[in-house]
PDB file of N, CA and C in Angstrom:
ATOM      1  N   MET A   1     126.785 -44.191 -36.517  1.00  0.00           N
ATOM      2  CA  MET A   1     125.939 -44.395 -37.686  1.00  0.00           C
ATOM      3  C   MET A   1     124.541 -43.865 -37.388  1.00  0.00           C
ATOM      4  N   THR A   2     124.092 -42.869 -38.140  1.00  0.00           N
ATOM      5  CA  THR A   2     122.772 -42.284 -37.925  1.00  0.00           C
ATOM      6  C   THR A   2     121.919 -42.452 -39.173  1.00  0.00           C
ATOM      7  N   ASP A   3     120.748 -42.987 -38.998  1.00  0.00           N
ATOM      8  CA  ASP A   3     119.784 -43.141 -40.082  1.00  0.00           C
ATOM      9  C   ASP A   3     118.730 -42.053 -39.911  1.00  0.00           C
ATOM     10  N   LYS A   4     118.632 -41.128 -40.885  1.00  0.00           N
ATOM     11  CA  LYS A   4     117.700 -39.998 -40.755  1.00  0.00           C
ATOM     12  C   LYS A   4     116.265 -40.462 -40.563  1.00  0.00           C
ATOM     13  N   ASN A   5     115.840 -41.496 -41.266  1.00  0.00           N
ATOM     14  CA  ASN A   5     114.469 -41.989 -41.121  1.00  0.00           C
ATOM     15  C   ASN A   5     114.241 -42.524 -39.712  1.00  0.00           C
ATOM     16  N   ASN A   6     115.194 -43.284 -39.192  1.00  0.00           N
ATOM     17  CA  ASN A   6     115.085 -43.829 -37.843  1.00  0.00           C
ATOM     18  C   ASN A   6     115.079 -42.704 -36.815  1.00  0.00           C
ATOM     19  N   LYS A   7     115.904 -41.669 -37.010  1.00  0.00           N
ATOM     20  CA  LYS A   7     115.965 -40.550 -36.075  1.00  0.00           C
ATOM     21  C   LYS A   7     114.633 -39.805 -36.046  1.00  0.00           C
ATOM     22  N   THR A   8     113.993 -39.646 -37.205  1.00  0.00           N
ATOM     23  CA  THR A   8     112.698 -38.978 -37.268  1.00  0.00           C
ATOM     24  C   THR A   8     111.655 -39.758 -36.470  1.00  0.00           C
ATOM     25  N   GLU A   9     111.683 -41.063 -36.546  1.00  0.00           N
ATOM     26  CA  GLU A   9     110.729 -41.890 -35.822  1.00  0.00           C
ATOM     27  C   GLU A   9     110.967 -41.841 -34.313  1.00  0.00           C
ATOM     28  N   ASN A  10     112.192 -41.530 -33.901  1.00  0.00           N
ATOM     29  CA  ASN A  10     112.545 -41.528 -32.490  1.00  0.00           C
ATOM     30  C   ASN A  10     112.576 -40.126 -31.898  1.00  0.00           C
ATOM     31  N   THR A  11     111.946 -39.163 -32.554  1.00  0.00           N
ATOM     32  CA  THR A  11     111.920 -37.784 -32.080  1.00  0.00           C
ATOM     33  C   THR A  11     110.472 -37.353 -31.864  1.00  0.00           C
ATOM     34  N   PHE A  12     110.229 -36.677 -30.737  1.00  0.00           N
ATOM     35  CA  PHE A  12     108.902 -36.136 -30.490  1.00  0.00           C
ATOM     36  C   PHE A  12     109.029 -34.819 -29.736  1.00  0.00           C
ATOM     37  N   SER A  13     107.971 -34.044 -29.777  1.00  0.00           N
ATOM     38  CA  SER A  13     107.920 -32.761 -29.075  1.00  0.00           C
ATOM     39  C   SER A  13     106.811 -32.805 -28.038  1.00  0.00           C
ATOM     40  N   LYS A  14     107.047 -32.111 -26.933  1.00  0.00           N
ATOM     41  CA  LYS A  14     106.057 -32.041 -25.859  1.00  0.00           C
ATOM     42  C   LYS A  14     106.110 -30.654 -25.257  1.00  0.00           C
ATOM     43  N   LYS A  15     104.955 -30.024 -25.109  1.00  0.00           N
ATOM     44  CA  LYS A  15     104.878 -28.712 -24.483  1.00  0.00           C
ATOM     45  C   LYS A  15     104.400 -28.891 -23.050  1.00  0.00           C
ATOM     46  N   ILE A  16     105.185 -28.386 -22.114  1.00  0.00           N
ATOM     47  CA  ILE A  16     104.828 -28.416 -20.703  1.00  0.00           C
ATOM     48  C   ILE A  16     104.875 -26.980 -20.217  1.00  0.00           C
ATOM     49  N   GLY A  17     103.707 -26.447 -19.876  1.00  0.00           N
ATOM     50  CA  GLY A  17     103.633 -25.033 -19.507  1.00  0.00           C
ATOM     51  C   GLY A  17     103.979 -24.189 -20.716  1.00  0.00           C
ATOM     52  N   LYS A  18     104.938 -23.292 -20.558  1.00  0.00           N
ATOM     53  CA  LYS A  18     105.374 -22.435 -21.661  1.00  0.00           C
ATOM     54  C   LYS A  18     106.636 -22.955 -22.332  1.00  0.00           C
ATOM     55  N   THR A  19     107.075 -24.143 -21.937  1.00  0.00           N
ATOM     56  CA  THR A  19     108.317 -24.705 -22.469  1.00  0.00           C
ATOM     57  C   THR A  19     108.018 -25.821 -23.453  1.00  0.00           C
ATOM     58  N   ASN A  20     108.639 -25.759 -24.627  1.00  0.00           N
ATOM     59  CA  ASN A  20     108.546 -26.822 -25.621  1.00  0.00           C
ATOM     60  C   ASN A  20     109.790 -27.695 -25.521  1.00  0.00           C
ATOM     61  N   TYR A  21     109.590 -29.003 -25.418  1.00  0.00           N
ATOM     62  CA  TYR A  21     110.691 -29.948 -25.349  1.00  0.00           C
ATOM     63  C   TYR A  21     110.717 -30.753 -26.635  1.00  0.00           C
ATOM     64  N   LYS A  22     111.874 -30.868 -27.255  1.00  0.00           N
ATOM     65  CA  LYS A  22     112.063 -31.743 -28.409  1.00  0.00           C
ATOM     66  C   LYS A  22     112.977 -32.864 -27.952  1.00  0.00           C
ATOM     67  N   VAL A  23     112.486 -34.084 -28.019  1.00  0.00           N
ATOM     68  CA  VAL A  23     113.195 -35.227 -27.461  1.00  0.00           C
ATOM     69  C   VAL A  23     113.534 -36.215 -28.561  1.00  0.00           C
ATOM     70  N   THR A  24     114.774 -36.616 -28.586  1.00  0.00           N
ATOM     71  CA  THR A  24     115.208 -37.690 -29.470  1.00  0.00           C
ATOM     72  C   THR A  24     115.585 -38.869 -28.589  1.00  0.00           C
ATOM     73  N   VAL A  25     114.993 -40.014 -28.855  1.00  0.00           N
ATOM     74  CA  VAL A  25     115.154 -41.185 -28.010  1.00  0.00           C
ATOM     75  C   VAL A  25     116.112 -42.175 -28.662  1.00  0.00           C
ATOM     76  N   HIS A  26     117.032 -42.660 -27.863  1.00  0.00           N
ATOM     77  CA  HIS A  26     117.852 -43.798 -28.285  1.00  0.00           C
ATOM     78  C   HIS A  26     118.070 -44.671 -27.059  1.00  0.00           C
ATOM     79  N   PHE A  27     118.316 -45.925 -27.255  1.00  0.00           N
ATOM     80  CA  PHE A  27     118.393 -46.866 -26.159  1.00  0.00           C
ATOM     81  C   PHE A  27     119.751 -47.545 -26.115  1.00  0.00           C
ATOM     82  N   SER A  28     120.272 -47.664 -24.910  1.00  0.00           N
ATOM     83  CA  SER A  28     121.520 -48.390 -24.688  1.00  0.00           C
ATOM     84  C   SER A  28     121.186 -49.864 -24.463  1.00  0.00           C
ATOM     85  N   LYS A  29     121.940 -50.714 -25.074  1.00  0.00           N
ATOM     86  CA  LYS A  29     121.714 -52.149 -24.894  1.00  0.00           C
ATOM     87  C   LYS A  29     122.234 -52.640 -23.551  1.00  0.00           C
ATOM     88  N   THR A  30     123.054 -51.834 -22.877  1.00  0.00           N
ATOM     89  CA  THR A  30     123.647 -52.254 -21.607  1.00  0.00           C
ATOM     90  C   THR A  30     123.049 -51.549 -20.399  1.00  0.00           C
ATOM     91  N   SER A  31     122.077 -50.685 -20.592  1.00  0.00           N
ATOM     92  CA  SER A  31     121.501 -49.906 -19.493  1.00  0.00           C
ATOM     93  C   SER A  31     120.568 -50.753 -18.632  1.00  0.00           C
ATOM     94  N   ASN A  32     120.561 -50.438 -17.338  1.00  0.00           N
ATOM     95  CA  ASN A  32     119.622 -51.094 -16.415  1.00  0.00           C
ATOM     96  C   ASN A  32     118.480 -50.165 -16.039  1.00  0.00           C
ATOM     97  N   GLU A  33     118.492 -48.928 -16.545  1.00  0.00           N
ATOM     98  CA  GLU A  33     117.498 -47.909 -16.220  1.00  0.00           C
ATOM     99  C   GLU A  33     116.390 -47.922 -17.278  1.00  0.00           C
ATOM    100  N   THR A  34     115.121 -47.949 -16.832  1.00  0.00           N
ATOM    101  CA  THR A  34     114.008 -47.912 -17.781  1.00  0.00           C
ATOM    102  C   THR A  34     113.799 -46.467 -18.247  1.00  0.00           C
ATOM    103  N   ILE A  35     113.026 -46.284 -19.295  1.00  0.00           N
ATOM    104  CA  ILE A  35     112.732 -44.945 -19.801  1.00  0.00           C
ATOM    105  C   ILE A  35     111.967 -44.139 -18.743  1.00  0.00           C
ATOM    106  N   ILE A  36     111.093 -44.783 -18.006  1.00  0.00           N
ATOM    107  CA  ILE A  36     110.349 -44.106 -16.935  1.00  0.00           C
ATOM    108  C   ILE A  36     111.314 -43.629 -15.847  1.00  0.00           C
ATOM    109  N   ASP A  37     112.265 -44.481 -15.466  1.00  0.00           N
ATOM    110  CA  ASP A  37     113.275 -44.090 -14.473  1.00  0.00           C
ATOM    111  C   ASP A  37     114.066 -42.879 -14.959  1.00  0.00           C
ATOM    112  N   LYS A  38     114.455 -42.903 -16.208  1.00  0.00           N
ATOM    113  CA  LYS A  38     115.254 -41.822 -16.780  1.00  0.00           C
ATOM    114  C   LYS A  38     114.469 -40.503 -16.802  1.00  0.00           C
ATOM    115  N   ILE A  39     113.225 -40.555 -17.269  1.00  0.00           N
ATOM    116  CA  ILE A  39     112.401 -39.336 -17.334  1.00  0.00           C
ATOM    117  C   ILE A  39     112.175 -38.777 -15.935  1.00  0.00           C
ATOM    118  N   ASN A  40     111.863 -39.646 -14.984  1.00  0.00           N
ATOM    119  CA  ASN A  40     111.664 -39.182 -13.603  1.00  0.00           C
ATOM    120  C   ASN A  40     112.938 -38.551 -13.049  1.00  0.00           C
ATOM    121  N   ARG A  41     114.090 -39.128 -13.329  1.00  0.00           N
ATOM    122  CA  ARG A  41     115.362 -38.577 -12.868  1.00  0.00           C
ATOM    123  C   ARG A  41     115.610 -37.208 -13.486  1.00  0.00           C
ATOM    124  N   LEU A  42     115.340 -37.068 -14.780  1.00  0.00           N
ATOM    125  CA  LEU A  42     115.547 -35.787 -15.456  1.00  0.00           C
ATOM    126  C   LEU A  42     114.607 -34.705 -14.919  1.00  0.00           C
ATOM    127  N   ILE A  43     113.344 -35.051 -14.685  1.00  0.00           N
ATOM    128  CA  ILE A  43     112.387 -34.082 -14.143  1.00  0.00           C
ATOM    129  C   ILE A  43     112.800 -33.673 -12.733  1.00  0.00           C
ATOM    130  N   GLN A  44     113.192 -34.634 -11.910  1.00  0.00           N
ATOM    131  CA  GLN A  44     113.620 -34.322 -10.546  1.00  0.00           C
ATOM    132  C   GLN A  44     114.835 -33.405 -10.563  1.00  0.00           C
ATOM    133  N   LYS A  45     115.807 -33.675 -11.445  1.00  0.00           N
ATOM    134  CA  LYS A  45     117.002 -32.843 -11.544  1.00  0.00           C
ATOM    135  C   LYS A  45     116.632 -31.422 -11.961  1.00  0.00           C
ATOM    136  N   GLU A  46     115.731 -31.281 -12.929  1.00  0.00           N
ATOM    137  CA  GLU A  46     115.315 -29.950 -13.376  1.00  0.00           C
ATOM    138  C   GLU A  46     114.607 -29.195 -12.253  1.00  0.00           C
ATOM    139  N   CYS A  47     113.759 -29.874 -11.490  1.00  0.00           N
ATOM    140  CA  CYS A  47     113.074 -29.230 -10.364  1.00  0.00           C
ATOM    141  C   CYS A  47     114.079 -28.788  -9.301  1.00  0.00           C
ATOM    142  N   GLU A  48     115.072 -29.610  -9.038  1.00  0.00           N
ATOM    143  CA  GLU A  48     116.110 -29.235  -8.078  1.00  0.00           C
ATOM    144  C   GLU A  48     116.869 -28.005  -8.568  1.00  0.00           C
ATOM    145  N   ASP A  49     117.192 -27.980  -9.848  1.00  0.00           N
ATOM    146  CA  ASP A  49     117.895 -26.831 -10.424  1.00  0.00           C
ATOM    147  C   ASP A  49     117.047 -25.569 -10.325  1.00  0.00           C
ATOM    148  N   MET A  50     115.760 -25.675 -10.607  1.00  0.00           N
ATOM    149  CA  MET A  50     114.866 -24.526 -10.528  1.00  0.00           C
ATOM    150  C   MET A  50     114.748 -24.034  -9.088  1.00  0.00           C
ATOM    151  N   SER A  51     114.658 -24.963  -8.143  1.00  0.00           N
ATOM    152  CA  SER A  51     114.562 -24.609  -6.731  1.00  0.00           C
ATOM    153  C   SER A  51     115.835 -23.915  -6.274  1.00  0.00           C
ATOM    154  N   TYR A  52     116.977 -24.398  -6.708  1.00  0.00           N
ATOM    155  CA  TYR A  52     118.259 -23.801  -6.346  1.00  0.00           C
ATOM    156  C   TYR A  52     118.346 -22.365  -6.860  1.00  0.00           C
ATOM    157  N   LYS A  53     117.935 -22.144  -8.104  1.00  0.00           N
ATOM    158  CA  LYS A  53     117.984 -20.799  -8.696  1.00  0.00           C
ATOM    159  C   LYS A  53     117.014 -19.857  -7.999  1.00  0.00           C
ATOM    160  N   LYS A  54     115.875 -20.377  -7.568  1.00  0.00           N
ATOM    161  CA  LYS A  54     114.851 -19.560  -6.923  1.00  0.00           C
ATOM    162  C   LYS A  54     115.345 -19.023  -5.578  1.00  0.00           C
ATOM    163  N   TYR A  55     116.072 -19.843  -4.831  1.00  0.00           N
ATOM    164  CA  TYR A  55     116.493 -19.457  -3.494  1.00  0.00           C
ATOM    165  C   TYR A  55     117.928 -18.957  -3.432  1.00  0.00           C
ATOM    166  N   LYS A  56     118.576 -18.828  -4.549  1.00  0.00           N
ATOM    167  CA  LYS A  56     119.955 -18.343  -4.571  1.00  0.00           C
ATOM    168  C   LYS A  56     120.035 -16.854  -4.436  1.00  0.00           C
TER     169      LYS A  56
END
């Protein structure tokens, strides 16, 4: 079930360097991970991927 008004409120854009990120946020009621934990994990994974591509 998706509510367009609710989805609009939970979407934001962020430009980091030359990359534009469009983020839609939703929350799991059963998750033990905070939003800060999740963002840090995603950034770390992206940096690892970039490092891997650089040295491949």
